[in-house]
PDB file of all heavy atoms in Angstrom:
ATOM      1  N   ARG A   1      76.383 162.582 -21.319  1.00  0.00           N
ATOM      2  CA  ARG A   1      75.291 162.068 -22.124  1.00  0.00           C
ATOM      3  C   ARG A   1      75.746 161.593 -23.523  1.00  0.00           C
ATOM      4  O   ARG A   1      75.215 160.646 -24.055  1.00  0.00           O
ATOM      5  CB  ARG A   1      74.212 163.183 -22.258  1.00  0.00           C
ATOM      6  CG  ARG A   1      73.221 163.187 -21.062  1.00  0.00           C
ATOM      7  CD  ARG A   1      72.220 164.237 -21.162  1.00  0.00           C
ATOM      8  NE  ARG A   1      71.042 163.915 -20.272  1.00  0.00           N
ATOM      9  CZ  ARG A   1      70.154 164.806 -19.872  1.00  0.00           C
ATOM     10  NH1 ARG A   1      70.223 166.033 -20.243  1.00  0.00           N
ATOM     11  NH2 ARG A   1      69.144 164.390 -19.123  1.00  0.00           N
ATOM     12  N   LEU A   2      76.665 162.354 -24.140  1.00  0.00           N
ATOM     13  CA  LEU A   2      77.191 161.868 -25.406  1.00  0.00           C
ATOM     14  C   LEU A   2      77.854 160.534 -25.266  1.00  0.00           C
ATOM     15  O   LEU A   2      77.689 159.634 -26.132  1.00  0.00           O
ATOM     16  CB  LEU A   2      78.222 162.868 -25.934  1.00  0.00           C
ATOM     17  CG  LEU A   2      77.711 164.291 -26.285  1.00  0.00           C
ATOM     18  CD1 LEU A   2      78.853 165.215 -26.702  1.00  0.00           C
ATOM     19  CD2 LEU A   2      76.640 164.234 -27.364  1.00  0.00           C
ATOM     20  N   GLN A   3      78.582 160.339 -24.209  1.00  0.00           N
ATOM     21  CA  GLN A   3      79.297 159.078 -23.980  1.00  0.00           C
ATOM     22  C   GLN A   3      78.365 157.881 -23.740  1.00  0.00           C
ATOM     23  O   GLN A   3      78.757 156.765 -24.121  1.00  0.00           O
ATOM     24  CB  GLN A   3      80.266 159.234 -22.807  1.00  0.00           C
ATOM     25  CG  GLN A   3      81.446 160.179 -23.075  1.00  0.00           C
ATOM     26  CD  GLN A   3      82.249 160.495 -21.793  1.00  0.00           C
ATOM     27  OE1 GLN A   3      81.699 160.491 -20.701  1.00  0.00           O
ATOM     28  NE2 GLN A   3      83.528 160.760 -21.924  1.00  0.00           N
ATOM     29  N   SER A   4      77.225 158.137 -23.096  1.00  0.00           N
ATOM     30  CA  SER A   4      76.345 157.063 -22.734  1.00  0.00           C
ATOM     31  C   SER A   4      75.128 156.875 -23.620  1.00  0.00           C
ATOM     32  O   SER A   4      74.204 156.086 -23.295  1.00  0.00           O
ATOM     33  CB  SER A   4      75.832 157.287 -21.278  1.00  0.00           C
ATOM     34  OG  SER A   4      75.095 158.505 -21.206  1.00  0.00           O
ATOM     35  N   VAL A   5      75.101 157.594 -24.752  1.00  0.00           N
ATOM     36  CA  VAL A   5      73.904 157.535 -25.625  1.00  0.00           C
ATOM     37  C   VAL A   5      73.684 156.170 -26.219  1.00  0.00           C
ATOM     38  O   VAL A   5      72.527 155.856 -26.616  1.00  0.00           O
ATOM     39  CB  VAL A   5      74.042 158.613 -26.738  1.00  0.00           C
ATOM     40  CG1 VAL A   5      74.943 158.143 -27.841  1.00  0.00           C
ATOM     41  CG2 VAL A   5      72.645 158.959 -27.292  1.00  0.00           C
ATOM     42  N   GLY A   6      74.671 155.308 -26.255  1.00  0.00           N
ATOM     43  CA  GLY A   6      74.525 153.951 -26.750  1.00  0.00           C
ATOM     44  C   GLY A   6      73.494 153.133 -26.001  1.00  0.00           C
ATOM     45  O   GLY A   6      72.863 152.303 -26.620  1.00  0.00           O
ATOM     46  N   THR A   7      73.347 153.399 -24.703  1.00  0.00           N
ATOM     47  CA  THR A   7      72.396 152.616 -23.906  1.00  0.00           C
ATOM     48  C   THR A   7      70.966 152.862 -24.328  1.00  0.00           C
ATOM     49  O   THR A   7      70.257 151.827 -24.658  1.00  0.00           O
ATOM     50  CB  THR A   7      72.594 152.904 -22.415  1.00  0.00           C
ATOM     51  OG1 THR A   7      73.940 152.508 -22.029  1.00  0.00           O
ATOM     52  CG2 THR A   7      71.563 152.107 -21.564  1.00  0.00           C
ATOM     53  N   PRO A   8      70.441 154.052 -24.312  1.00  0.00           N
ATOM     54  CA  PRO A   8      69.031 154.219 -24.773  1.00  0.00           C
ATOM     55  C   PRO A   8      68.832 153.809 -26.237  1.00  0.00           C
ATOM     56  O   PRO A   8      67.776 153.293 -26.572  1.00  0.00           O
ATOM     57  CB  PRO A   8      68.792 155.702 -24.551  1.00  0.00           C
ATOM     58  CG  PRO A   8      70.079 156.352 -24.497  1.00  0.00           C
ATOM     59  CD  PRO A   8      71.044 155.358 -23.907  1.00  0.00           C
ATOM     60  N   LEU A   9      69.806 154.041 -27.110  1.00  0.00           N
ATOM     61  CA  LEU A   9      69.696 153.679 -28.528  1.00  0.00           C
ATOM     62  C   LEU A   9      69.637 152.147 -28.664  1.00  0.00           C
ATOM     63  O   LEU A   9      68.868 151.606 -29.507  1.00  0.00           O
ATOM     64  CB  LEU A   9      70.802 154.270 -29.353  1.00  0.00           C
ATOM     65  CG  LEU A   9      70.724 155.816 -29.612  1.00  0.00           C
ATOM     66  CD1 LEU A   9      71.930 156.291 -30.447  1.00  0.00           C
ATOM     67  CD2 LEU A   9      69.428 156.185 -30.250  1.00  0.00           C
ATOM     68  N   SER A  10      70.410 151.465 -27.890  1.00  0.00           N
ATOM     69  CA  SER A  10      70.416 149.989 -27.916  1.00  0.00           C
ATOM     70  C   SER A  10      69.098 149.445 -27.389  1.00  0.00           C
ATOM     71  O   SER A  10      68.525 148.514 -27.925  1.00  0.00           O
ATOM     72  CB  SER A  10      71.573 149.398 -27.071  1.00  0.00           C
ATOM     73  OG  SER A  10      72.784 149.738 -27.705  1.00  0.00           O
ATOM     74  N   GLN A  11      68.579 150.089 -26.310  1.00  0.00           N
ATOM     75  CA  GLN A  11      67.269 149.643 -25.741  1.00  0.00           C
ATOM     76  C   GLN A  11      66.188 149.924 -26.760  1.00  0.00           C
ATOM     77  O   GLN A  11      65.271 149.085 -26.914  1.00  0.00           O
ATOM     78  CB  GLN A  11      67.014 150.431 -24.444  1.00  0.00           C
ATOM     79  CG  GLN A  11      67.945 150.048 -23.343  1.00  0.00           C
ATOM     80  CD  GLN A  11      67.799 150.935 -22.110  1.00  0.00           C
ATOM     81  OE1 GLN A  11      67.369 152.136 -22.245  1.00  0.00           O
ATOM     82  NE2 GLN A  11      68.138 150.441 -20.947  1.00  0.00           N
ATOM     83  N   PHE A  12      66.283 151.020 -27.463  1.00  0.00           N
ATOM     84  CA  PHE A  12      65.288 151.344 -28.526  1.00  0.00           C
ATOM     85  C   PHE A  12      65.366 150.309 -29.653  1.00  0.00           C
ATOM     86  O   PHE A  12      64.335 149.828 -30.127  1.00  0.00           O
ATOM     87  CB  PHE A  12      65.493 152.748 -29.079  1.00  0.00           C
ATOM     88  CG  PHE A  12      64.722 153.077 -30.234  1.00  0.00           C
ATOM     89  CD1 PHE A  12      63.352 153.473 -30.128  1.00  0.00           C
ATOM     90  CD2 PHE A  12      65.189 152.962 -31.543  1.00  0.00           C
ATOM     91  CE1 PHE A  12      62.619 153.750 -31.233  1.00  0.00           C
ATOM     92  CE2 PHE A  12      64.451 153.218 -32.672  1.00  0.00           C
ATOM     93  CZ  PHE A  12      63.122 153.625 -32.533  1.00  0.00           C
ATOM     94  N   ALA A  13      66.583 149.926 -30.041  1.00  0.00           N
ATOM     95  CA  ALA A  13      66.788 148.993 -31.140  1.00  0.00           C
ATOM     96  C   ALA A  13      66.211 147.622 -30.687  1.00  0.00           C
ATOM     97  O   ALA A  13      65.645 146.882 -31.539  1.00  0.00           O
ATOM     98  CB  ALA A  13      68.242 148.853 -31.461  1.00  0.00           C
ATOM     99  N   ASP A  14      66.402 147.225 -29.446  1.00  0.00           N
ATOM    100  CA  ASP A  14      65.844 145.932 -28.957  1.00  0.00           C
ATOM    101  C   ASP A  14      64.346 145.925 -29.071  1.00  0.00           C
ATOM    102  O   ASP A  14      63.783 144.879 -29.495  1.00  0.00           O
ATOM    103  CB  ASP A  14      66.283 145.745 -27.499  1.00  0.00           C
ATOM    104  CG  ASP A  14      67.774 145.452 -27.357  1.00  0.00           C
ATOM    105  OD1 ASP A  14      68.464 145.136 -28.338  1.00  0.00           O
ATOM    106  OD2 ASP A  14      68.270 145.602 -26.249  1.00  0.00           O
ATOM    107  N   PHE A  15      63.711 147.039 -28.688  1.00  0.00           N
ATOM    108  CA  PHE A  15      62.251 147.122 -28.806  1.00  0.00           C
ATOM    109  C   PHE A  15      61.788 147.131 -30.279  1.00  0.00           C
ATOM    110  O   PHE A  15      60.818 146.475 -30.649  1.00  0.00           O
ATOM    111  CB  PHE A  15      61.718 148.362 -28.085  1.00  0.00           C
ATOM    112  CG  PHE A  15      60.267 148.586 -28.151  1.00  0.00           C
ATOM    113  CD1 PHE A  15      59.415 147.711 -27.421  1.00  0.00           C
ATOM    114  CD2 PHE A  15      59.710 149.536 -28.907  1.00  0.00           C
ATOM    115  CE1 PHE A  15      58.033 147.874 -27.428  1.00  0.00           C
ATOM    116  CE2 PHE A  15      58.324 149.707 -28.999  1.00  0.00           C
ATOM    117  CZ  PHE A  15      57.491 148.872 -28.261  1.00  0.00           C
ATOM    118  N   PHE A  16      62.581 147.819 -31.100  1.00  0.00           N
ATOM    119  CA  PHE A  16      62.286 147.840 -32.531  1.00  0.00           C
ATOM    120  C   PHE A  16      62.333 146.448 -33.143  1.00  0.00           C
ATOM    121  O   PHE A  16      61.425 146.081 -33.894  1.00  0.00           O
ATOM    122  CB  PHE A  16      63.300 148.782 -33.211  1.00  0.00           C
ATOM    123  CG  PHE A  16      62.935 149.280 -34.550  1.00  0.00           C
ATOM    124  CD1 PHE A  16      61.981 150.258 -34.650  1.00  0.00           C
ATOM    125  CD2 PHE A  16      63.487 148.745 -35.679  1.00  0.00           C
ATOM    126  CE1 PHE A  16      61.622 150.769 -35.943  1.00  0.00           C
ATOM    127  CE2 PHE A  16      63.111 149.218 -36.943  1.00  0.00           C
ATOM    128  CZ  PHE A  16      62.178 150.192 -37.085  1.00  0.00           C
ATOM    129  N   ARG A  17      63.318 145.708 -32.772  1.00  0.00           N
ATOM    130  CA  ARG A  17      63.421 144.327 -33.308  1.00  0.00           C
ATOM    131  C   ARG A  17      62.345 143.441 -32.717  1.00  0.00           C
ATOM    132  O   ARG A  17      61.867 142.517 -33.418  1.00  0.00           O
ATOM    133  CB  ARG A  17      64.788 143.757 -32.976  1.00  0.00           C
ATOM    134  CG  ARG A  17      65.960 144.430 -33.729  1.00  0.00           C
ATOM    135  CD  ARG A  17      67.249 143.625 -33.591  1.00  0.00           C
ATOM    136  NE  ARG A  17      68.366 144.342 -34.166  1.00  0.00           N
ATOM    137  CZ  ARG A  17      69.237 145.066 -33.549  1.00  0.00           C
ATOM    138  NH1 ARG A  17      69.105 145.207 -32.184  1.00  0.00           N
ATOM    139  NH2 ARG A  17      70.226 145.653 -34.126  1.00  0.00           N
ATOM    140  N   ALA A  18      61.983 143.649 -31.467  1.00  0.00           N
ATOM    141  CA  ALA A  18      60.886 142.830 -30.904  1.00  0.00           C
ATOM    142  C   ALA A  18      59.557 143.098 -31.631  1.00  0.00           C
ATOM    143  O   ALA A  18      58.769 142.161 -31.824  1.00  0.00           O
ATOM    144  CB  ALA A  18      60.735 143.198 -29.380  1.00  0.00           C
ATOM    145  N   ARG A  19      59.349 144.313 -32.074  1.00  0.00           N
ATOM    146  CA  ARG A  19      58.185 144.627 -32.885  1.00  0.00           C
ATOM    147  C   ARG A  19      58.222 143.845 -34.190  1.00  0.00           C
ATOM    148  O   ARG A  19      57.232 143.288 -34.686  1.00  0.00           O
ATOM    149  CB  ARG A  19      58.034 146.093 -33.161  1.00  0.00           C
ATOM    150  CG  ARG A  19      57.724 146.946 -31.985  1.00  0.00           C
ATOM    151  CD  ARG A  19      57.592 148.424 -32.371  1.00  0.00           C
ATOM    152  NE  ARG A  19      56.312 148.646 -33.071  1.00  0.00           N
ATOM    153  CZ  ARG A  19      56.173 148.942 -34.294  1.00  0.00           C
ATOM    154  NH1 ARG A  19      57.219 148.990 -35.118  1.00  0.00           N
ATOM    155  NH2 ARG A  19      54.997 149.169 -34.824  1.00  0.00           N
ATOM    156  N   GLU A  20      59.401 143.825 -34.826  1.00  0.00           N
ATOM    157  CA  GLU A  20      59.616 143.119 -36.080  1.00  0.00           C
ATOM    158  C   GLU A  20      59.254 141.667 -35.893  1.00  0.00           C
ATOM    159  O   GLU A  20      58.514 141.063 -36.717  1.00  0.00           O
ATOM    160  CB  GLU A  20      61.030 143.210 -36.531  1.00  0.00           C
ATOM    161  CG  GLU A  20      61.447 144.553 -37.152  1.00  0.00           C
ATOM    162  CD  GLU A  20      62.841 144.545 -37.618  1.00  0.00           C
ATOM    163  OE1 GLU A  20      63.596 143.548 -37.366  1.00  0.00           O
ATOM    164  OE2 GLU A  20      63.267 145.526 -38.225  1.00  0.00           O
ATOM    165  N   ASP A  21      59.765 141.025 -34.811  1.00  0.00           N
ATOM    166  CA  ASP A  21      59.524 139.623 -34.592  1.00  0.00           C
ATOM    167  C   ASP A  21      58.057 139.300 -34.373  1.00  0.00           C
ATOM    168  O   ASP A  21      57.607 138.150 -34.623  1.00  0.00           O
ATOM    169  CB  ASP A  21      60.338 139.195 -33.364  1.00  0.00           C
ATOM    170  CG  ASP A  21      61.809 139.238 -33.571  1.00  0.00           C
ATOM    171  OD1 ASP A  21      62.278 139.299 -34.757  1.00  0.00           O
ATOM    172  OD2 ASP A  21      62.576 139.249 -32.588  1.00  0.00           O
ATOM    173  N   SER A  22      57.275 140.327 -33.946  1.00  0.00           N
ATOM    174  CA  SER A  22      55.868 140.067 -33.715  1.00  0.00           C
ATOM    175  C   SER A  22      55.016 140.506 -34.937  1.00  0.00           C
ATOM    176  O   SER A  22      53.824 140.518 -34.842  1.00  0.00           O
ATOM    177  CB  SER A  22      55.421 140.893 -32.469  1.00  0.00           C
ATOM    178  OG  SER A  22      56.094 140.441 -31.298  1.00  0.00           O
ATOM    179  N   GLY A  23      55.712 140.895 -36.021  1.00  0.00           N
ATOM    180  CA  GLY A  23      54.970 141.234 -37.243  1.00  0.00           C
ATOM    181  C   GLY A  23      54.598 142.672 -37.378  1.00  0.00           C
ATOM    182  O   GLY A  23      53.776 143.014 -38.231  1.00  0.00           O
ATOM    183  N   PHE A  24      55.179 143.580 -36.606  1.00  0.00           N
ATOM    184  CA  PHE A  24      54.824 144.979 -36.627  1.00  0.00           C
ATOM    185  C   PHE A  24      55.961 145.741 -37.363  1.00  0.00           C
ATOM    186  O   PHE A  24      57.054 145.914 -36.849  1.00  0.00           O
ATOM    187  CB  PHE A  24      54.606 145.556 -35.250  1.00  0.00           C
ATOM    188  CG  PHE A  24      53.437 144.976 -34.552  1.00  0.00           C
ATOM    189  CD1 PHE A  24      53.558 143.835 -33.759  1.00  0.00           C
ATOM    190  CD2 PHE A  24      52.204 145.558 -34.732  1.00  0.00           C
ATOM    191  CE1 PHE A  24      52.477 143.301 -33.147  1.00  0.00           C
ATOM    192  CE2 PHE A  24      51.079 145.004 -34.117  1.00  0.00           C
ATOM    193  CZ  PHE A  24      51.206 143.862 -33.348  1.00  0.00           C
ATOM    194  N   LEU A  25      55.633 146.184 -38.589  1.00  0.00           N
ATOM    195  CA  LEU A  25      56.653 146.798 -39.453  1.00  0.00           C
ATOM    196  C   LEU A  25      56.192 148.254 -39.805  1.00  0.00           C
ATOM    197  O   LEU A  25      55.080 148.590 -39.759  1.00  0.00           O
ATOM    198  CB  LEU A  25      56.853 146.012 -40.687  1.00  0.00           C
ATOM    199  CG  LEU A  25      57.163 144.498 -40.497  1.00  0.00           C
ATOM    200  CD1 LEU A  25      57.210 143.793 -41.856  1.00  0.00           C
ATOM    201  CD2 LEU A  25      58.501 144.358 -39.784  1.00  0.00           C
ATOM    202  N   LEU A  26      57.199 149.061 -40.164  1.00  0.00           N
ATOM    203  CA  LEU A  26      56.936 150.395 -40.612  1.00  0.00           C
ATOM    204  C   LEU A  26      56.693 150.403 -42.137  1.00  0.00           C
ATOM    205  O   LEU A  26      57.194 149.564 -42.841  1.00  0.00           O
ATOM    206  CB  LEU A  26      58.166 151.309 -40.324  1.00  0.00           C
ATOM    207  CG  LEU A  26      58.571 151.509 -38.856  1.00  0.00           C
ATOM    208  CD1 LEU A  26      59.786 152.381 -38.769  1.00  0.00           C
ATOM    209  CD2 LEU A  26      57.423 152.092 -38.067  1.00  0.00           C
ATOM    210  N   PRO A  27      55.943 151.401 -42.628  1.00  0.00           N
ATOM    211  CA  PRO A  27      55.774 151.558 -44.050  1.00  0.00           C
ATOM    212  C   PRO A  27      57.103 151.791 -44.720  1.00  0.00           C
ATOM    213  O   PRO A  27      57.985 152.561 -44.198  1.00  0.00           O
ATOM    214  CB  PRO A  27      54.891 152.774 -44.223  1.00  0.00           C
ATOM    215  CG  PRO A  27      54.125 152.862 -42.895  1.00  0.00           C
ATOM    216  CD  PRO A  27      55.094 152.362 -41.864  1.00  0.00           C
ATOM    217  N   LYS A  28      57.303 151.189 -45.880  1.00  0.00           N
ATOM    218  CA  LYS A  28      58.645 151.272 -46.519  1.00  0.00           C
ATOM    219  C   LYS A  28      59.053 152.707 -46.878  1.00  0.00           C
ATOM    220  O   LYS A  28      60.266 153.032 -46.842  1.00  0.00           O
ATOM    221  CB  LYS A  28      58.644 150.392 -47.771  1.00  0.00           C
ATOM    222  CG  LYS A  28      58.687 148.923 -47.541  1.00  0.00           C
ATOM    223  CD  LYS A  28      58.734 148.122 -48.815  1.00  0.00           C
ATOM    224  CE  LYS A  28      58.869 146.654 -48.543  1.00  0.00           C
ATOM    225  NZ  LYS A  28      58.935 145.829 -49.809  1.00  0.00           N
ATOM    226  N   HIS A  29      58.076 153.531 -47.221  1.00  0.00           N
ATOM    227  CA  HIS A  29      58.408 154.917 -47.643  1.00  0.00           C
ATOM    228  C   HIS A  29      58.896 155.757 -46.471  1.00  0.00           C
ATOM    229  O   HIS A  29      59.484 156.806 -46.688  1.00  0.00           O
ATOM    230  CB  HIS A  29      57.206 155.563 -48.307  1.00  0.00           C
ATOM    231  CG  HIS A  29      56.149 155.975 -47.345  1.00  0.00           C
ATOM    232  ND1 HIS A  29      55.189 155.134 -46.872  1.00  0.00           N
ATOM    233  CD2 HIS A  29      55.858 157.189 -46.804  1.00  0.00           C
ATOM    234  CE1 HIS A  29      54.379 155.811 -46.066  1.00  0.00           C
ATOM    235  NE2 HIS A  29      54.802 157.048 -45.978  1.00  0.00           N
ATOM    236  N   VAL A  30      58.625 155.339 -45.226  1.00  0.00           N
ATOM    237  CA  VAL A  30      59.068 156.099 -44.052  1.00  0.00           C
ATOM    238  C   VAL A  30      60.498 155.868 -43.699  1.00  0.00           C
ATOM    239  O   VAL A  30      61.232 156.796 -43.301  1.00  0.00           O
ATOM    240  CB  VAL A  30      58.154 155.758 -42.857  1.00  0.00           C
ATOM    241  CG1 VAL A  30      58.700 156.404 -41.559  1.00  0.00           C
ATOM    242  CG2 VAL A  30      56.744 156.227 -43.110  1.00  0.00           C
ATOM    243  N   VAL A  31      61.012 154.629 -43.951  1.00  0.00           N
ATOM    244  CA  VAL A  31      62.326 154.227 -43.422  1.00  0.00           C
ATOM    245  C   VAL A  31      63.472 155.083 -44.027  1.00  0.00           C
ATOM    246  O   VAL A  31      64.353 155.490 -43.264  1.00  0.00           O
ATOM    247  CB  VAL A  31      62.578 152.718 -43.661  1.00  0.00           C
ATOM    248  CG1 VAL A  31      63.919 152.298 -43.105  1.00  0.00           C
ATOM    249  CG2 VAL A  31      61.415 151.920 -43.039  1.00  0.00           C
ATOM    250  N   PRO A  32      63.484 155.400 -45.302  1.00  0.00           N
ATOM    251  CA  PRO A  32      64.559 156.208 -45.796  1.00  0.00           C
ATOM    252  C   PRO A  32      64.672 157.586 -45.119  1.00  0.00           C
ATOM    253  O   PRO A  32      65.750 158.098 -44.899  1.00  0.00           O
ATOM    254  CB  PRO A  32      64.221 156.365 -47.289  1.00  0.00           C
ATOM    255  CG  PRO A  32      63.432 155.179 -47.643  1.00  0.00           C
ATOM    256  CD  PRO A  32      62.636 154.941 -46.384  1.00  0.00           C
ATOM    257  N   ARG A  33      63.543 158.122 -44.703  1.00  0.00           N
ATOM    258  CA  ARG A  33      63.526 159.382 -44.006  1.00  0.00           C
ATOM    259  C   ARG A  33      64.136 159.225 -42.569  1.00  0.00           C
ATOM    260  O   ARG A  33      64.786 160.165 -42.112  1.00  0.00           O
ATOM    261  CB  ARG A  33      62.101 159.917 -43.914  1.00  0.00           C
ATOM    262  CG  ARG A  33      61.450 160.149 -45.215  1.00  0.00           C
ATOM    263  CD  ARG A  33      60.092 160.787 -45.095  1.00  0.00           C
ATOM    264  NE  ARG A  33      59.407 160.836 -46.375  1.00  0.00           N
ATOM    265  CZ  ARG A  33      58.218 161.451 -46.558  1.00  0.00           C
ATOM    266  NH1 ARG A  33      57.587 161.943 -45.519  1.00  0.00           N
ATOM    267  NH2 ARG A  33      57.656 161.463 -47.771  1.00  0.00           N
ATOM    268  N   LEU A  34      63.947 158.069 -41.956  1.00  0.00           N
ATOM    269  CA  LEU A  34      64.530 157.817 -40.639  1.00  0.00           C
ATOM    270  C   LEU A  34      66.049 157.752 -40.793  1.00  0.00           C
ATOM    271  O   LEU A  34      66.804 158.315 -39.956  1.00  0.00           O
ATOM    272  CB  LEU A  34      63.987 156.523 -40.080  1.00  0.00           C
ATOM    273  CG  LEU A  34      62.536 156.353 -39.929  1.00  0.00           C
ATOM    274  CD1 LEU A  34      62.217 154.977 -39.316  1.00  0.00           C
ATOM    275  CD2 LEU A  34      61.945 157.430 -39.096  1.00  0.00           C
ATOM    276  N   ILE A  35      66.511 157.101 -41.871  1.00  0.00           N
ATOM    277  CA  ILE A  35      67.940 156.968 -42.099  1.00  0.00           C
ATOM    278  C   ILE A  35      68.572 158.325 -42.367  1.00  0.00           C
ATOM    279  O   ILE A  35      69.583 158.663 -41.760  1.00  0.00           O
ATOM    280  CB  ILE A  35      68.154 156.002 -43.264  1.00  0.00           C
ATOM    281  CG1 ILE A  35      67.705 154.598 -42.951  1.00  0.00           C
ATOM    282  CG2 ILE A  35      69.673 155.981 -43.636  1.00  0.00           C
ATOM    283  CD1 ILE A  35      67.708 153.650 -44.131  1.00  0.00           C
ATOM    284  N   GLN A  36      67.903 159.081 -43.185  1.00  0.00           N
ATOM    285  CA  GLN A  36      68.435 160.435 -43.475  1.00  0.00           C
ATOM    286  C   GLN A  36      68.499 161.327 -42.255  1.00  0.00           C
ATOM    287  O   GLN A  36      69.456 162.040 -42.078  1.00  0.00           O
ATOM    288  CB  GLN A  36      67.502 161.065 -44.563  1.00  0.00           C
ATOM    289  CG  GLN A  36      67.997 162.446 -44.997  1.00  0.00           C
ATOM    290  CD  GLN A  36      67.049 163.094 -46.032  1.00  0.00           C
ATOM    291  OE1 GLN A  36      65.968 162.580 -46.290  1.00  0.00           O
ATOM    292  NE2 GLN A  36      67.453 164.209 -46.589  1.00  0.00           N
ATOM    293  N   ALA A  37      67.432 161.269 -41.420  1.00  0.00           N
ATOM    294  CA  ALA A  37      67.429 162.102 -40.199  1.00  0.00           C
ATOM    295  C   ALA A  37      68.518 161.721 -39.252  1.00  0.00           C
ATOM    296  O   ALA A  37      69.197 162.540 -38.666  1.00  0.00           O
ATOM    297  CB  ALA A  37      66.051 162.002 -39.537  1.00  0.00           C
ATOM    298  N   ALA A  38      68.744 160.358 -39.078  1.00  0.00           N
ATOM    299  CA  ALA A  38      69.753 159.874 -38.138  1.00  0.00           C
ATOM    300  C   ALA A  38      71.180 160.253 -38.719  1.00  0.00           C
ATOM    301  O   ALA A  38      72.024 160.634 -37.920  1.00  0.00           O
ATOM    302  CB  ALA A  38      69.678 158.393 -38.008  1.00  0.00           C
ATOM    303  N   GLN A  39      71.321 160.192 -40.005  1.00  0.00           N
ATOM    304  CA  GLN A  39      72.621 160.569 -40.616  1.00  0.00           C
ATOM    305  C   GLN A  39      72.924 162.010 -40.458  1.00  0.00           C
ATOM    306  O   GLN A  39      74.066 162.411 -40.229  1.00  0.00           O
ATOM    307  CB  GLN A  39      72.641 160.185 -42.116  1.00  0.00           C
ATOM    308  CG  GLN A  39      72.722 158.684 -42.345  1.00  0.00           C
ATOM    309  CD  GLN A  39      72.583 158.346 -43.831  1.00  0.00           C
ATOM    310  OE1 GLN A  39      71.955 159.067 -44.612  1.00  0.00           O
ATOM    311  NE2 GLN A  39      73.092 157.151 -44.223  1.00  0.00           N
ATOM    312  N   SER A  40      71.868 162.872 -40.488  1.00  0.00           N
ATOM    313  CA  SER A  40      72.069 164.324 -40.338  1.00  0.00           C
ATOM    314  C   SER A  40      72.576 164.656 -38.953  1.00  0.00           C
ATOM    315  O   SER A  40      73.287 165.680 -38.749  1.00  0.00           O
ATOM    316  CB  SER A  40      70.760 165.065 -40.632  1.00  0.00           C
ATOM    317  OG  SER A  40      69.823 164.847 -39.609  1.00  0.00           O
ATOM    318  N   VAL A  41      72.202 163.842 -37.969  1.00  0.00           N
ATOM    319  CA  VAL A  41      72.664 164.141 -36.535  1.00  0.00           C
ATOM    320  C   VAL A  41      74.155 163.956 -36.411  1.00  0.00           C
ATOM    321  O   VAL A  41      74.772 164.640 -35.607  1.00  0.00           O
ATOM    322  CB  VAL A  41      71.859 163.214 -35.585  1.00  0.00           C
ATOM    323  CG1 VAL A  41      72.373 163.367 -34.157  1.00  0.00           C
ATOM    324  CG2 VAL A  41      70.396 163.411 -35.649  1.00  0.00           C
ATOM    325  N   ILE A  42      74.747 163.045 -37.148  1.00  0.00           N
ATOM    326  CA  ILE A  42      76.205 162.797 -37.040  1.00  0.00           C
ATOM    327  C   ILE A  42      76.949 163.306 -38.187  1.00  0.00           C
ATOM    328  O   ILE A  42      78.169 163.039 -38.309  1.00  0.00           O
ATOM    329  CB  ILE A  42      76.431 161.266 -36.890  1.00  0.00           C
ATOM    330  CG1 ILE A  42      75.895 160.510 -38.062  1.00  0.00           C
ATOM    331  CG2 ILE A  42      75.833 160.736 -35.555  1.00  0.00           C
ATOM    332  CD1 ILE A  42      76.217 159.010 -37.980  1.00  0.00           C
ATOM    333  N   SER A  43      76.344 164.096 -39.087  1.00  0.00           N
ATOM    334  CA  SER A  43      77.069 164.653 -40.212  1.00  0.00           C
ATOM    335  C   SER A  43      77.836 165.971 -39.800  1.00  0.00           C
ATOM    336  O   SER A  43      77.553 166.476 -38.699  1.00  0.00           O
ATOM    337  CB  SER A  43      76.103 164.975 -41.375  1.00  0.00           C
ATOM    338  OG  SER A  43      75.208 165.974 -40.987  1.00  0.00           O
ATOM    339  N   GLY A  44      78.674 166.450 -40.669  1.00  0.00           N
ATOM    340  CA  GLY A  44      79.422 167.625 -40.364  1.00  0.00           C
ATOM    341  C   GLY A  44      80.722 167.303 -39.618  1.00  0.00           C
ATOM    342  O   GLY A  44      80.964 166.212 -39.057  1.00  0.00           O
TER     343      GLY A  44
END
């Protein structure tokens, strides 16, 4: 699962960008928290 995690994350990113292209965006104050949370998963 560690080795193959790129597939679901890439699929998620594709959907995320598709939302962007259709004008659906997240509030700006939320995004830094997403970045921080994702960074914590790979820290240490």
